[in-house]
Protein backbone atom coordinates (compact mmCIF):
# COMPACT_ATOMS: atom_id res chain seq x y z
CA MET A 1 77.45 31.85 24.89
CA ASP A 2 75.30 30.60 27.72
CA ASP A 3 72.42 32.75 26.51
CA GLN A 4 72.65 31.23 23.02
CA GLU A 5 72.61 27.73 24.35
CA ASP A 6 69.55 28.53 26.48
CA ASN A 7 67.69 29.97 23.47
CA SER A 8 68.58 26.92 21.40
CA VAL A 9 67.24 24.59 24.01
CA ARG A 10 63.97 26.48 24.34
CA THR A 11 63.43 26.55 20.57
CA TRP A 12 64.00 22.83 20.22
CA SER A 13 61.69 22.17 23.11
CA ASN A 14 58.81 24.20 21.60
CA ASP A 15 59.12 22.44 18.20
CA SER A 16 59.05 19.01 19.80
CA TYR A 17 55.87 19.97 21.70
CA ARG A 18 53.90 21.24 18.70
CA HIS A 19 54.67 18.39 16.30
CA PRO A 20 52.98 15.53 18.23
CA ARG A 21 49.91 17.70 18.88
CA THR A 22 49.53 18.54 15.17
CA SER A 23 49.96 14.88 14.22
CA SER A 24 47.45 13.74 16.85
CA THR A 25 44.89 16.32 15.74
CA ARG A 26 45.28 15.22 12.13
CA ARG A 27 44.76 11.58 13.06
CA TYR A 28 41.69 12.51 15.08
CA LEU A 29 40.16 14.46 12.20
CA VAL A 30 40.85 11.63 9.76
CA SER A 31 39.23 9.14 12.16
CA VAL A 32 36.17 11.35 12.52
CA LEU A 33 35.91 11.75 8.74
CA VAL A 34 36.22 7.99 8.18
CA GLY A 35 33.59 7.40 10.86
CA VAL A 36 31.19 9.87 9.22
CA VAL A 37 31.70 8.20 5.82
CA ILE A 38 31.07 4.74 7.30
CA ILE A 39 27.91 5.92 9.09
CA TYR A 40 26.71 7.58 5.87
CA LEU A 41 27.30 4.42 3.84
CA LEU A 42 25.66 2.17 6.43
CA PHE A 43 22.57 4.25 7.20
CA PHE A 44 21.92 6.85 4.50
CA VAL A 45 22.70 5.20 1.15
CA ARG A 46 19.50 3.62 -0.14
CA LEU A 47 19.71 0.24 -1.82
CA PRO A 48 17.29 -0.91 -4.59
CA PHE A 49 15.45 -3.20 -2.18
CA PHE A 50 12.50 -3.12 0.18
CA ILE A 51 12.40 -4.90 3.53
CA PHE A 52 9.11 -6.51 4.51
CA MET A 53 8.41 -7.17 8.17
CA PRO A 54 5.44 -7.61 10.56
CA GLY A 55 3.21 -4.55 10.66
CA THR A 56 0.17 -4.03 12.85
CA ALA A 57 -3.17 -5.63 13.69
CA GLU A 58 -5.68 -2.81 13.99
CA GLU A 59 -9.26 -2.75 15.22
CA ILE A 60 -11.57 -1.92 12.32
CA ARG A 61 -14.61 -0.66 14.21
CA PRO A 62 -13.27 2.91 14.67
CA MET A 63 -12.62 3.06 10.91
CA VAL A 64 -16.20 2.21 9.87
CA SER A 65 -19.26 4.32 10.57
CA ILE A 66 -22.93 3.86 9.61
CA PRO A 67 -25.59 6.33 10.84
CA ALA A 68 -28.07 3.57 11.68
CA GLY A 69 -25.44 0.94 12.45
CA SER A 70 -25.74 -1.36 15.44
CA ASN A 71 -23.51 -0.99 18.48
CA THR A 72 -23.52 -4.57 19.77
CA GLU A 73 -19.93 -5.58 19.00
CA LYS A 74 -18.34 -7.14 22.09
CA GLY A 75 -15.29 -8.63 20.42
CA THR A 76 -12.82 -7.22 17.90
CA LEU A 77 -12.36 -7.59 14.16
CA MET A 78 -8.83 -6.64 13.09
CA LEU A 79 -7.17 -6.00 9.77
CA THR A 80 -3.47 -6.83 9.52
CA THR A 81 -0.67 -5.00 7.75
CA VAL A 82 2.87 -5.53 6.53
CA ARG A 83 5.49 -2.90 7.26
CA VAL A 84 7.62 -1.99 4.23
CA ALA A 85 10.90 -0.13 4.76
CA ASP A 86 13.54 1.22 2.42
CA ALA A 87 16.78 -0.73 2.63
CA ASN A 88 20.17 0.68 3.56
CA VAL A 89 23.31 -1.36 4.10
CA MET A 90 22.71 -1.82 7.83
CA SER A 91 19.01 -2.69 7.58
CA TYR A 92 19.78 -5.05 4.66
CA LEU A 93 22.34 -6.94 6.74
CA ILE A 94 19.98 -7.14 9.71
CA ALA A 95 17.12 -8.36 7.51
CA ALA A 96 19.35 -10.97 5.89
CA LEU A 97 20.00 -12.44 9.34
CA HIS A 98 16.50 -11.95 10.78
CA PRO A 99 14.24 -15.02 10.46
CA TYR A 100 11.03 -12.99 10.08
CA GLU A 101 12.13 -10.19 7.75
CA GLU A 102 12.08 -10.46 3.96
CA ILE A 103 14.16 -8.66 1.32
CA GLN A 104 12.68 -8.01 -2.13
CA PRO A 105 14.05 -6.02 -5.09
CA GLN A 106 12.12 -2.83 -5.79
CA SER A 107 11.68 -4.03 -9.39
CA THR A 108 9.31 -6.76 -8.15
CA ILE A 109 7.11 -4.17 -6.44
CA PHE A 110 6.97 -1.29 -8.93
CA GLN A 111 5.23 -1.68 -12.25
CA ASN A 112 7.14 -0.91 -15.47
CA GLY A 113 8.25 2.74 -15.39
CA GLU A 114 6.38 3.42 -12.13
CA SER A 115 7.80 5.94 -9.66
CA GLU A 116 7.58 5.61 -5.87
CA GLN A 117 4.93 8.34 -5.77
CA GLU A 118 2.89 6.56 -8.45
CA TYR A 119 3.21 3.29 -6.52
CA SER A 120 1.88 4.98 -3.37
CA GLN A 121 -1.01 6.49 -5.34
CA ARG A 122 -1.80 3.09 -6.86
CA GLN A 123 -1.87 1.51 -3.40
CA GLU A 124 -4.23 4.23 -2.19
CA PHE A 125 -6.52 3.72 -5.18
CA VAL A 126 -6.46 -0.07 -4.75
CA MET A 127 -7.41 0.40 -1.09
CA LEU A 128 -10.39 2.57 -2.06
CA THR A 129 -11.45 0.00 -4.65
CA SER A 130 -11.09 -2.74 -2.05
CA GLN A 131 -13.28 -0.80 0.36
CA ALA A 132 -15.94 -0.35 -2.33
CA SER A 133 -15.91 -4.12 -2.98
CA ALA A 134 -16.17 -4.82 0.75
CA ILE A 135 -19.15 -2.48 1.07
CA GLN A 136 -20.91 -4.13 -1.88
CA ALA A 137 -20.33 -7.61 -0.45
CA ALA A 138 -21.64 -6.56 2.96
CA TYR A 139 -24.69 -4.83 1.46
CA THR A 140 -25.41 -7.89 -0.68
CA LYS A 141 -25.16 -10.26 2.28
CA ALA A 142 -27.26 -8.01 4.54
CA LYS A 143 -29.79 -7.42 1.70
CA ILE A 144 -29.30 -3.65 1.75
CA PRO A 145 -30.35 -1.92 -1.53
CA TYR A 146 -27.56 0.16 -3.07
CA HIS A 147 -26.35 1.73 -6.30
CA ILE A 148 -23.01 2.76 -7.86
CA ASN A 149 -22.05 6.37 -8.59
CA HIS A 150 -19.32 7.07 -11.13
CA GLU A 151 -17.24 9.94 -9.77
CA GLY A 152 -14.57 10.57 -12.38
CA VAL A 153 -11.28 9.14 -13.46
CA MET A 154 -8.04 9.29 -11.46
CA VAL A 155 -4.57 9.50 -12.98
CA LEU A 156 -2.58 6.57 -11.62
CA GLN A 157 0.52 7.03 -13.77
CA THR A 158 1.89 9.28 -16.49
CA LEU A 159 3.94 7.98 -19.40
CA PRO A 160 7.34 9.56 -20.12
CA GLY A 161 7.74 11.76 -23.18
CA LEU A 162 4.03 12.58 -23.62
CA SER A 163 2.12 15.76 -22.77
CA GLY A 164 0.31 14.19 -19.83
CA GLU A 165 3.63 13.84 -17.99
CA LYS A 166 4.17 17.62 -18.04
CA ALA A 167 0.65 18.82 -17.26
CA LEU A 168 -0.81 16.12 -15.01
CA LYS A 169 0.23 14.46 -11.75
CA THR A 170 -0.56 11.17 -10.11
CA GLY A 171 -3.79 11.59 -8.15
CA ASP A 172 -5.33 14.23 -10.43
CA VAL A 173 -9.01 13.60 -11.21
CA LEU A 174 -9.99 14.04 -14.87
CA LEU A 175 -13.31 15.85 -15.31
CA LYS A 176 -13.63 16.82 -18.97
CA ALA A 177 -12.00 16.16 -22.34
CA ALA A 178 -12.90 18.64 -25.10
CA ASP A 179 -15.91 19.84 -23.07
CA LYS A 180 -17.22 16.28 -22.69
CA ASP A 181 -17.69 15.02 -19.14
CA ILE A 182 -15.42 12.18 -18.06
CA LYS A 183 -17.24 9.79 -15.75
CA GLU A 184 -15.38 6.63 -16.78
CA ALA A 185 -12.06 5.88 -18.44
CA GLN A 186 -13.94 4.94 -21.62
CA ASP A 187 -15.22 8.54 -21.85
CA LEU A 188 -11.63 9.74 -22.18
CA LEU A 189 -10.89 7.18 -24.87
CA ASP A 190 -14.05 8.15 -26.76
CA ALA A 191 -13.07 11.84 -26.67
CA ILE A 192 -9.65 11.07 -28.19
CA LYS A 193 -10.85 8.45 -30.65
CA GLY A 194 -10.29 9.49 -34.27
CA LYS A 195 -7.72 12.16 -33.41
CA GLN A 196 -4.15 12.01 -34.69
CA ALA A 197 -0.80 12.60 -33.01
CA GLY A 198 0.00 16.32 -33.16
CA GLU A 199 -3.61 17.43 -32.58
CA SER A 200 -4.54 19.10 -29.29
CA ILE A 201 -7.30 18.53 -26.74
CA ASP A 202 -8.44 20.51 -23.69
CA ILE A 203 -8.37 18.49 -20.47
CA THR A 204 -10.12 19.75 -17.33
CA PHE A 205 -9.00 18.15 -14.08
CA LYS A 206 -9.08 18.64 -10.33
CA ARG A 207 -5.97 18.80 -8.18
CA ASN A 208 -6.16 19.47 -4.43
CA GLN A 209 -9.83 20.43 -4.89
CA ILE A 210 -8.86 23.13 -7.44
CA GLU A 211 -10.23 22.79 -10.98
CA GLN A 212 -7.79 23.49 -13.83
CA THR A 213 -7.76 23.24 -17.64
CA GLU A 214 -4.73 22.52 -19.83
CA THR A 215 -4.38 22.11 -23.58
CA LEU A 216 -2.46 18.91 -24.28
CA MET A 217 -0.93 17.78 -27.54
CA LEU A 218 -1.60 14.16 -28.46
CA GLY A 219 1.32 11.86 -29.05
CA LEU A 220 1.75 8.23 -30.07
CA LEU A 221 1.25 5.88 -27.13
CA PRO A 222 3.84 3.12 -26.58
CA LYS A 223 2.97 -0.07 -28.43
CA GLN A 224 1.96 -2.85 -26.08
CA GLU A 225 4.15 -5.91 -26.14
CA GLY A 226 2.70 -8.58 -28.42
CA SER A 227 0.04 -6.25 -29.82
CA THR A 228 -0.59 -6.23 -33.57
CA GLN A 229 -2.70 -3.06 -33.48
CA GLU A 230 -1.41 0.25 -34.78
CA GLN A 231 -0.17 2.79 -32.25
CA ARG A 232 -2.93 5.09 -30.98
CA ALA A 233 -2.78 8.77 -30.13
CA GLY A 234 -3.19 9.79 -26.50
CA ILE A 235 -2.11 12.14 -23.74
CA GLY A 236 -0.07 9.48 -21.92
CA VAL A 237 -1.88 8.66 -18.69
CA VAL A 238 -2.96 5.45 -16.99
CA PRO A 239 -6.58 6.19 -15.93
CA ALA A 240 -8.63 4.44 -13.24
CA ASP A 241 -12.37 4.69 -12.67
CA MET A 242 -13.48 6.18 -9.37
CA GLN A 243 -16.70 4.68 -8.04
CA ALA A 244 -18.73 5.23 -4.89
CA VAL A 245 -21.12 2.66 -3.41
CA LYS A 246 -24.25 4.41 -2.15
CA ALA A 247 -26.98 2.88 -0.02
CA ASP A 248 -30.49 3.75 -1.19
CA ASN A 249 -31.23 4.61 2.45
CA GLU A 250 -28.78 7.30 3.63
CA GLN A 251 -29.02 6.00 7.20
CA GLN A 252 -27.33 2.81 6.01
CA GLN A 253 -24.51 4.59 4.17
CA VAL A 254 -21.06 3.21 5.02
CA THR A 255 -18.12 5.55 5.49
CA ILE A 256 -14.59 4.16 5.89
CA LYS A 257 -11.62 6.15 7.14
CA ALA A 258 -8.56 3.90 7.20
CA GLY A 259 -5.87 6.56 7.42
CA GLU A 260 -2.73 5.74 5.44
CA ILE A 261 -3.30 2.00 5.21
CA GLY A 262 -2.95 1.00 1.54
CA GLY A 263 -3.50 -2.04 -0.62
CA PRO A 264 -6.48 -4.38 -1.18
CA SER A 265 -5.87 -7.07 1.42
CA ALA A 266 -8.22 -5.74 4.14
CA GLY A 267 -11.32 -6.34 2.00
CA LEU A 268 -12.58 -9.43 3.86
CA MET A 269 -12.20 -7.92 7.33
CA PHE A 270 -13.88 -4.67 6.24
CA SER A 271 -16.81 -6.61 4.80
CA LEU A 272 -17.25 -8.51 8.09
CA GLU A 273 -17.12 -5.32 10.17
CA ILE A 274 -19.62 -3.55 7.90
CA TYR A 275 -21.94 -6.55 7.98
CA ASN A 276 -21.67 -6.68 11.78
CA GLN A 277 -22.85 -3.07 12.01
CA LEU A 278 -25.70 -3.66 9.56
CA VAL A 279 -27.25 -6.62 11.40
CA PRO A 280 -28.63 -6.63 14.96
CA GLU A 281 -26.63 -9.61 16.26
CA ASP A 282 -22.90 -9.49 17.12
CA ILE A 283 -21.00 -11.92 14.90
CA THR A 284 -17.80 -11.60 17.00
CA LYS A 285 -19.45 -13.02 20.16
CA GLY A 286 -16.72 -11.37 22.23
CA HIS A 287 -13.74 -12.95 20.42
CA ARG A 288 -10.64 -11.28 18.99
CA ILE A 289 -10.51 -12.11 15.27
CA ALA A 290 -7.83 -10.99 12.82
CA GLY A 291 -7.48 -11.81 9.16
CA THR A 292 -6.68 -10.82 5.63
CA GLY A 293 -7.87 -11.38 2.06
CA THR A 294 -9.28 -9.38 -0.83
CA ILE A 295 -12.95 -9.30 -1.80
CA GLU A 296 -13.10 -10.25 -5.47
CA THR A 297 -16.88 -10.17 -6.17
CA VAL A 298 -20.08 -8.76 -4.73
CA ASP A 299 -20.85 -12.31 -3.58
CA GLY A 300 -17.87 -12.15 -1.25
CA VAL A 301 -15.31 -14.40 -2.95
CA VAL A 302 -12.00 -13.99 -1.09
CA GLY A 303 -8.76 -13.64 -3.06
CA PRO A 304 -5.12 -14.26 -2.08
CA ILE A 305 -2.72 -11.65 -0.75
CA GLY A 306 0.99 -11.19 -0.11
CA GLY A 307 2.97 -11.11 3.11
CA ILE A 308 0.72 -13.34 5.18
CA GLU A 309 3.67 -14.65 7.21
CA HIS A 310 4.26 -11.13 8.55
CA LYS A 311 0.56 -10.59 9.27
CA ILE A 312 0.45 -13.73 11.41
CA ILE A 313 3.11 -12.27 13.70
CA ALA A 314 1.27 -8.92 13.89
CA ALA A 315 -2.01 -10.64 14.81
CA ASP A 316 -0.34 -12.86 17.40
CA LYS A 317 1.21 -9.84 19.12
CA GLU A 318 -2.26 -8.28 19.46
CA GLY A 319 -3.70 -11.39 21.10
CA ALA A 320 -5.92 -12.57 18.25
CA GLU A 321 -7.66 -15.87 18.97
CA TYR A 322 -8.51 -16.64 15.34
CA PHE A 323 -6.94 -15.67 12.03
CA PHE A 324 -8.84 -15.81 8.72
CA ALA A 325 -6.45 -16.78 5.90
CA PRO A 326 -7.38 -17.03 2.20
CA LYS A 327 -7.43 -20.61 0.97
CA ASP A 328 -4.57 -21.97 -1.13
CA VAL A 329 -5.15 -21.41 -4.85
CA THR A 330 -3.58 -22.51 -8.13
CA LEU A 331 -3.44 -19.78 -10.77
CA SER A 332 -4.15 -20.28 -14.48
CA ASN A 333 -0.40 -20.34 -15.22
CA GLY A 334 0.06 -23.23 -12.82
CA SER A 335 1.73 -21.27 -10.03
CA LYS A 336 0.41 -21.60 -6.48
CA ILE A 337 -0.34 -19.05 -3.79
CA GLU A 338 -0.48 -20.90 -0.48
CA ASN A 339 -1.80 -18.29 1.93
CA TYR A 340 -3.41 -20.77 4.31
CA SER A 341 -0.46 -23.18 4.34
CA ASP A 342 2.06 -20.36 4.82
CA ALA A 343 -0.04 -18.95 7.66
CA VAL A 344 -0.18 -22.30 9.45
CA LYS A 345 3.56 -22.76 9.01
CA ARG A 346 4.44 -19.35 10.44
CA ALA A 347 2.00 -19.75 13.35
CA LYS A 348 3.80 -23.01 14.29
CA GLN A 349 7.20 -21.34 13.96
CA ILE A 350 6.31 -18.63 16.47
CA LYS A 351 4.37 -21.11 18.67
CA SER A 352 1.17 -19.07 18.36
CA LYS A 353 -2.03 -20.24 20.04
CA MET A 354 -4.15 -18.66 17.29
CA LYS A 355 -6.39 -20.95 15.27
CA ILE A 356 -5.80 -20.42 11.55
CA VAL A 357 -9.07 -20.66 9.61
CA GLU A 358 -9.08 -21.27 5.84
CA ILE A 359 -11.50 -18.91 4.09
CA GLY A 360 -12.70 -18.99 0.49
CA THR A 361 -15.71 -16.69 0.75
CA MET A 362 -17.29 -14.23 3.14
CA ASP A 363 -19.90 -16.92 3.84
CA ASP A 364 -17.13 -19.27 5.05
CA ALA A 365 -16.11 -16.67 7.63
CA LEU A 366 -19.69 -16.05 8.74
CA ARG A 367 -20.37 -19.78 9.12
CA PHE A 368 -17.28 -20.18 11.28
CA LEU A 369 -18.27 -17.23 13.45
CA GLU A 370 -21.81 -18.57 13.77
CA GLY A 371 -20.39 -21.78 15.25
CA LEU A 372 -18.29 -20.01 17.89
CA PRO A 373 -19.53 -20.05 21.49
CA ALA A 374 -20.20 -16.65 23.03
CA LYS A 375 -17.60 -15.48 25.54
C-alpha cells in the first residue's frame, strides 16, 4: 500500500514537471517564428518604390586621362551623385520621416515595359553619351580638332512577344542585318524596310566580346500611341547609336573611366575637367568646386537634372566651396525645373557655406572661375 502511494506520487510529480517545460518551449518557438516573420516583412520584402538620398561628391581628375594633358590642377573639380536604394518596409518608414530622403514610385523611374536590368543599361548608355557630349564641348572650347566614329548600335530594350526578346539581351551590340553592316540605328531600319511580318532576317551581334549570329522572325511592332501609320515589321528592339569622339591628334585623345556612375548629369563637370587638362592654365585656382548639369550641345549648353537637393548635401560633406547648378528653366509644356532655386533652398536648410552658382552654359562656368582669386 505504501509502495503504491509512493509510485503514484512520483508519477504525478514527473507529469507536472514536463508539462510546463513543453508549454514554455512551444511559446519560445512561436515567438522566434513570429520574430523571423516580422524581420522578413520589415527588411526583405521589396516595395514598388525607390528611395533617393545624398550620394557622393567625387574628384573627376582620376577618371579623365589625356596623353598630352596638363598637370597643373591645384584645386578639385567634383561630380555629384544621388544614391538610389530599393525600398523595404523599414527603409520606407525611415525615409518618410527623414527630411533629406525622398520616396518615388518605381513607375516614375522605369520607362513603359522596362525591366530593372534595362533601366541600368539605359543609365550606362546615357552616361557614355553624356561623356561624349562633354568631350565634344571641351574640344570645341579648347579648339581641338576632332571627328566622330560610329561604332555600332546597342540594344537598350527588347519588346515582349517578339523574336528579339528571345535572342537578344540588353547591352548586345548589333553588327550586321542580312549581311549589311549596322553602324547606325537607321542601317537596321533600312535592312528591314520592305519586309513583312513572318519573314526572317539574320542578325549578327556581339555579346561579352563574342560575335554571334541568330535568325530572327519579323513580327508586327506595337503601334505607337496617337500614330496613324500602319504597323511595321521588326525584331522588337529599342536601338541606340554608339559613337566615339576621336581627337585628330592621338596625344589629345580623352579617355574617361567613371566606374559604375550612371546617368547624364555629370556632363558639365566632365567638360570642365577635360578642358582644364587641355589648356596650360589651371581653371580651379586651388578651389574645391562641385556641380551638376548635362551638356546638351557641342557649344556647351547646360541642361537640367534631377535630385539636386541630394547633391547639395553630398558636395557640402566633401567641403566644396562652390556648387555649379543648372539655371531654372520653363519647359515647352509650361512646367518648371528649378535646379538653381532648389539648390539654394537646400543649401540654406543645411546651413552650408557653399556659394551656389547659376550656370546656363559651359562659358558661364569658365567666366566665374576666371574671376576667382587664386588660393
